[in-house]
Amino acid sequence: MEVAKGGYRKDLKQFFRSKMEANMCRYYRYTRELYIYEWKEFEFKGIKRGSRYYKPDFYLPASNRWIEVKGWFRKTDKTKLKRFMKYYPEEFKRLRFVIPDKYARDKANGEMIKFLCDGLGIDFEEIISYKEIEKYGGLIPRWE
């Protein structure tokens, strides 16, 4: 599953960092769930080096949830999320993750699940599998 490919999406009239993010936007539109893309940036005050800001991919006002769509975790991503958990614990509790396939049995997926569950304390059941959402792709115009 290709997760990258950032760029401007004509149908959405917006730039997205990955096709997964663009497709999540299409999914939210299809299900008529109100969303705001990259709505708020959180600053880690006092940090002088490295990751000083974090901006979740989506905000869902109806459920008051933040959504982070991740194809993989780089070291800087892990740092941002650990700092978000430390500096904004109440906001962090409302953060949900969308990953390519939470049931895949490959090393990369195992490391991703381990980081989310063991490193951040995320309940496995609260991780959203993009593969499950992708099943709607045939119904949603311009799905990539």
C-alpha atoms as a PDB file:
ATOM      1  CA  MET A   1       0.000   0.000   0.000  1.00  0.00           C
ATOM      2  CA  GLU A   2       1.493   3.328  -1.069  1.00  0.00           C
ATOM      3  CA  VAL A   3       0.939   5.932   1.617  1.00  0.00           C
ATOM      4  CA  ALA A   4       2.995   8.905   0.460  1.00  0.00           C
ATOM      5  CA  LYS A   5       2.390  11.192  -2.533  1.00  0.00           C
ATOM      6  CA  GLY A   6       1.756  14.621  -1.160  1.00  0.00           C
ATOM      7  CA  GLY A   7       0.358  17.330  -3.381  1.00  0.00           C
ATOM      8  CA  TYR A   8      -2.558  19.516  -4.346  1.00  0.00           C
ATOM      9  CA  ARG A   9      -5.881  17.693  -4.844  1.00  0.00           C
ATOM     10  CA  LYS A  10      -8.117  19.495  -7.326  1.00  0.00           C
ATOM     11  CA  ASP A  11     -11.300  17.811  -6.108  1.00  0.00           C
ATOM     12  CA  LEU A  12     -10.617  18.903  -2.524  1.00  0.00           C
ATOM     13  CA  LYS A  13      -9.082  22.256  -3.514  1.00  0.00           C
ATOM     14  CA  GLN A  14      -6.297  21.743  -1.024  1.00  0.00           C
ATOM     15  CA  PHE A  15      -2.747  20.428  -0.501  1.00  0.00           C
ATOM     16  CA  PHE A  16      -2.322  17.179   1.447  1.00  0.00           C
ATOM     17  CA  ARG A  17       0.882  15.582   2.664  1.00  0.00           C
ATOM     18  CA  SER A  18      -0.175  12.079   1.627  1.00  0.00           C
ATOM     19  CA  LYS A  19      -2.818  10.203  -0.287  1.00  0.00           C
ATOM     20  CA  MET A  20      -4.012   8.679   2.996  1.00  0.00           C
ATOM     21  CA  GLU A  21      -4.753  12.172   4.324  1.00  0.00           C
ATOM     22  CA  ALA A  22      -6.509  13.140   1.095  1.00  0.00           C
ATOM     23  CA  ASN A  23      -8.578   9.965   1.196  1.00  0.00           C
ATOM     24  CA  MET A  24      -9.479  10.502   4.852  1.00  0.00           C
ATOM     25  CA  CYS A  25     -10.762  13.923   3.846  1.00  0.00           C
ATOM     26  CA  ARG A  26     -12.840  12.304   1.093  1.00  0.00           C
ATOM     27  CA  TYR A  27     -14.104   9.737   3.598  1.00  0.00           C
ATOM     28  CA  TYR A  28     -15.186  12.445   6.058  1.00  0.00           C
ATOM     29  CA  ARG A  29     -16.989  14.254   3.253  1.00  0.00           C
ATOM     30  CA  TYR A  30     -18.649  11.012   2.155  1.00  0.00           C
ATOM     31  CA  THR A  31     -19.867  10.282   5.711  1.00  0.00           C
ATOM     32  CA  ARG A  32     -20.757  13.974   6.175  1.00  0.00           C
ATOM     33  CA  GLU A  33     -18.564  14.267   9.233  1.00  0.00           C
ATOM     34  CA  LEU A  34     -17.455  17.824   9.772  1.00  0.00           C
ATOM     35  CA  TYR A  35     -13.653  18.067   9.854  1.00  0.00           C
ATOM     36  CA  ILE A  36     -10.966  20.721   9.838  1.00  0.00           C
ATOM     37  CA  TYR A  37      -7.651  19.844   8.210  1.00  0.00           C
ATOM     38  CA  GLU A  38      -4.497  20.892  10.080  1.00  0.00           C
ATOM     39  CA  TRP A  39      -6.543  23.288  12.170  1.00  0.00           C
ATOM     40  CA  LYS A  40      -4.327  23.957  15.179  1.00  0.00           C
ATOM     41  CA  GLU A  41      -0.609  23.956  15.874  1.00  0.00           C
ATOM     42  CA  PHE A  42       0.543  23.184  19.405  1.00  0.00           C
ATOM     43  CA  GLU A  43       3.770  24.782  20.620  1.00  0.00           C
ATOM     44  CA  PHE A  44       6.149  23.118  23.053  1.00  0.00           C
ATOM     45  CA  LYS A  45       7.286  26.177  24.999  1.00  0.00           C
ATOM     46  CA  GLY A  46      10.778  26.040  26.397  1.00  0.00           C
ATOM     47  CA  ILE A  47      12.024  23.578  23.796  1.00  0.00           C
ATOM     48  CA  LYS A  48      14.968  25.107  21.999  1.00  0.00           C
ATOM     49  CA  ARG A  49      15.994  22.249  19.719  1.00  0.00           C
ATOM     50  CA  GLY A  50      14.256  19.633  17.671  1.00  0.00           C
ATOM     51  CA  SER A  51      10.500  19.327  17.412  1.00  0.00           C
ATOM     52  CA  ARG A  52       8.975  22.486  18.835  1.00  0.00           C
ATOM     53  CA  TYR A  53       5.478  22.236  17.300  1.00  0.00           C
ATOM     54  CA  TYR A  54       2.879  19.605  16.535  1.00  0.00           C
ATOM     55  CA  LYS A  55      -0.120  19.938  14.249  1.00  0.00           C
ATOM     56  CA  PRO A  56      -2.613  17.026  14.148  1.00  0.00           C
ATOM     57  CA  ASP A  57      -3.937  16.187  10.693  1.00  0.00           C
ATOM     58  CA  PHE A  58      -7.654  16.563  11.415  1.00  0.00           C
ATOM     59  CA  TYR A  59      -9.972  17.929  14.040  1.00  0.00           C
ATOM     60  CA  LEU A  60     -13.498  16.455  14.238  1.00  0.00           C
ATOM     61  CA  PRO A  61     -15.679  19.011  16.065  1.00  0.00           C
ATOM     62  CA  ALA A  62     -18.708  16.756  16.560  1.00  0.00           C
ATOM     63  CA  SER A  63     -16.695  14.213  18.559  1.00  0.00           C
ATOM     64  CA  ASN A  64     -14.076  16.707  19.791  1.00  0.00           C
ATOM     65  CA  ARG A  65     -11.316  14.406  18.495  1.00  0.00           C
ATOM     66  CA  TRP A  66      -7.929  14.951  16.910  1.00  0.00           C
ATOM     67  CA  ILE A  67      -6.916  12.530  14.152  1.00  0.00           C
ATOM     68  CA  GLU A  68      -3.334  11.730  13.184  1.00  0.00           C
ATOM     69  CA  VAL A  69      -2.890   9.815   9.922  1.00  0.00           C
ATOM     70  CA  LYS A  70       0.454   7.981   9.847  1.00  0.00           C
ATOM     71  CA  GLY A  71       1.910   5.765   7.173  1.00  0.00           C
ATOM     72  CA  TRP A  72       5.050   5.316   9.271  1.00  0.00           C
ATOM     73  CA  PHE A  73       6.775   7.000  12.193  1.00  0.00           C
ATOM     74  CA  ARG A  74      10.014   8.862  11.789  1.00  0.00           C
ATOM     75  CA  LYS A  75      12.098   9.702  14.851  1.00  0.00           C
ATOM     76  CA  THR A  76      10.858  13.318  14.736  1.00  0.00           C
ATOM     77  CA  ASP A  77       7.234  12.117  14.630  1.00  0.00           C
ATOM     78  CA  LYS A  78       7.794  10.079  17.774  1.00  0.00           C
ATOM     79  CA  THR A  79       9.386  13.052  19.517  1.00  0.00           C
ATOM     80  CA  LYS A  80       6.482  15.342  18.583  1.00  0.00           C
ATOM     81  CA  LEU A  81       3.911  12.876  19.856  1.00  0.00           C
ATOM     82  CA  LYS A  82       5.741  12.245  23.137  1.00  0.00           C
ATOM     83  CA  ARG A  83       6.002  15.991  23.674  1.00  0.00           C
ATOM     84  CA  PHE A  84       2.333  16.475  22.775  1.00  0.00           C
ATOM     85  CA  MET A  85       1.442  13.860  25.395  1.00  0.00           C
ATOM     86  CA  LYS A  86       3.606  15.629  27.999  1.00  0.00           C
ATOM     87  CA  TYR A  87       2.716  19.267  27.257  1.00  0.00           C
ATOM     88  CA  TYR A  88      -0.962  18.818  26.323  1.00  0.00           C
ATOM     89  CA  PRO A  89      -2.207  15.700  28.176  1.00  0.00           C
ATOM     90  CA  GLU A  90      -5.916  16.573  27.879  1.00  0.00           C
ATOM     91  CA  GLU A  91      -5.634  17.171  24.131  1.00  0.00           C
ATOM     92  CA  PHE A  92      -3.572  13.989  23.770  1.00  0.00           C
ATOM     93  CA  LYS A  93      -6.387  11.938  25.351  1.00  0.00           C
ATOM     94  CA  ARG A  94      -8.598  13.033  22.448  1.00  0.00           C
ATOM     95  CA  LEU A  95      -6.054  12.009  19.778  1.00  0.00           C
ATOM     96  CA  ARG A  96      -6.790   8.984  17.586  1.00  0.00           C
ATOM     97  CA  PHE A  97      -4.455   7.367  15.084  1.00  0.00           C
ATOM     98  CA  VAL A  98      -5.141   6.069  11.584  1.00  0.00           C
ATOM     99  CA  ILE A  99      -2.454   3.646  10.393  1.00  0.00           C
ATOM    100  CA  PRO A 100      -2.323   1.601   7.166  1.00  0.00           C
ATOM    101  CA  ASP A 101      -3.352  -1.790   8.612  1.00  0.00           C
ATOM    102  CA  LYS A 102      -3.338  -2.387  12.323  1.00  0.00           C
ATOM    103  CA  TYR A 103      -3.617  -6.149  11.776  1.00  0.00           C
ATOM    104  CA  ALA A 104      -0.689  -6.546   9.354  1.00  0.00           C
ATOM    105  CA  ARG A 105       2.003  -8.958  10.473  1.00  0.00           C
ATOM    106  CA  ASP A 106       5.104  -7.243   9.182  1.00  0.00           C
ATOM    107  CA  LYS A 107       7.995  -5.733  11.105  1.00  0.00           C
ATOM    108  CA  ALA A 108       7.203  -2.094  10.269  1.00  0.00           C
ATOM    109  CA  ASN A 109       3.596  -2.461  11.418  1.00  0.00           C
ATOM    110  CA  GLY A 110       4.683  -4.266  14.566  1.00  0.00           C
ATOM    111  CA  GLU A 111       7.046  -1.419  15.423  1.00  0.00           C
ATOM    112  CA  MET A 112       4.278   1.121  14.771  1.00  0.00           C
ATOM    113  CA  ILE A 113       1.821  -0.717  17.049  1.00  0.00           C
ATOM    114  CA  LYS A 114       4.502  -1.150  19.718  1.00  0.00           C
ATOM    115  CA  PHE A 115       5.248   2.576  19.716  1.00  0.00           C
ATOM    116  CA  LEU A 116       1.571   3.540  19.887  1.00  0.00           C
ATOM    117  CA  CYS A 117       0.587   1.020  22.556  1.00  0.00           C
ATOM    118  CA  ASP A 118       3.743   0.723  24.651  1.00  0.00           C
ATOM    119  CA  GLY A 119       5.384   4.079  23.945  1.00  0.00           C
ATOM    120  CA  LEU A 120       2.284   6.273  24.106  1.00  0.00           C
ATOM    121  CA  GLY A 121      -0.157   4.098  26.061  1.00  0.00           C
ATOM    122  CA  ILE A 122      -2.746   4.006  23.262  1.00  0.00           C
ATOM    123  CA  ASP A 123      -5.370   1.268  23.553  1.00  0.00           C
ATOM    124  CA  PHE A 124      -5.068  -1.040  20.528  1.00  0.00           C
ATOM    125  CA  GLU A 125      -8.843  -0.929  20.034  1.00  0.00           C
ATOM    126  CA  GLU A 126      -8.713   2.848  19.573  1.00  0.00           C
ATOM    127  CA  ILE A 127      -6.282   2.639  16.653  1.00  0.00           C
ATOM    128  CA  ILE A 128      -8.104   3.055  13.340  1.00  0.00           C
ATOM    129  CA  SER A 129      -7.123   0.817  10.448  1.00  0.00           C
ATOM    130  CA  TYR A 130      -7.035   2.683   7.132  1.00  0.00           C
ATOM    131  CA  LYS A 131      -7.516  -0.672   5.400  1.00  0.00           C
ATOM    132  CA  GLU A 132     -11.030  -0.830   6.879  1.00  0.00           C
ATOM    133  CA  ILE A 133     -11.852   2.684   5.647  1.00  0.00           C
ATOM    134  CA  GLU A 134     -10.352   1.895   2.249  1.00  0.00           C
ATOM    135  CA  LYS A 135     -13.221  -0.551   1.671  1.00  0.00           C
ATOM    136  CA  TYR A 136     -15.410   2.488   0.953  1.00  0.00           C
ATOM    137  CA  GLY A 137     -13.005   3.705  -1.720  1.00  0.00           C
ATOM    138  CA  GLY A 138     -15.095   2.270  -4.541  1.00  0.00           C
ATOM    139  CA  LEU A 139     -18.050   4.382  -3.432  1.00  0.00           C
ATOM    140  CA  ILE A 140     -16.144   7.626  -2.989  1.00  0.00           C
ATOM    141  CA  PRO A 141     -15.336   9.750  -6.068  1.00  0.00           C
ATOM    142  CA  ARG A 142     -11.635  10.457  -6.766  1.00  0.00           C
ATOM    143  CA  TRP A 143     -10.390   7.920  -4.214  1.00  0.00           C
ATOM    144  CA  GLU A 144      -6.692   7.342  -4.743  1.00  0.00           C
END
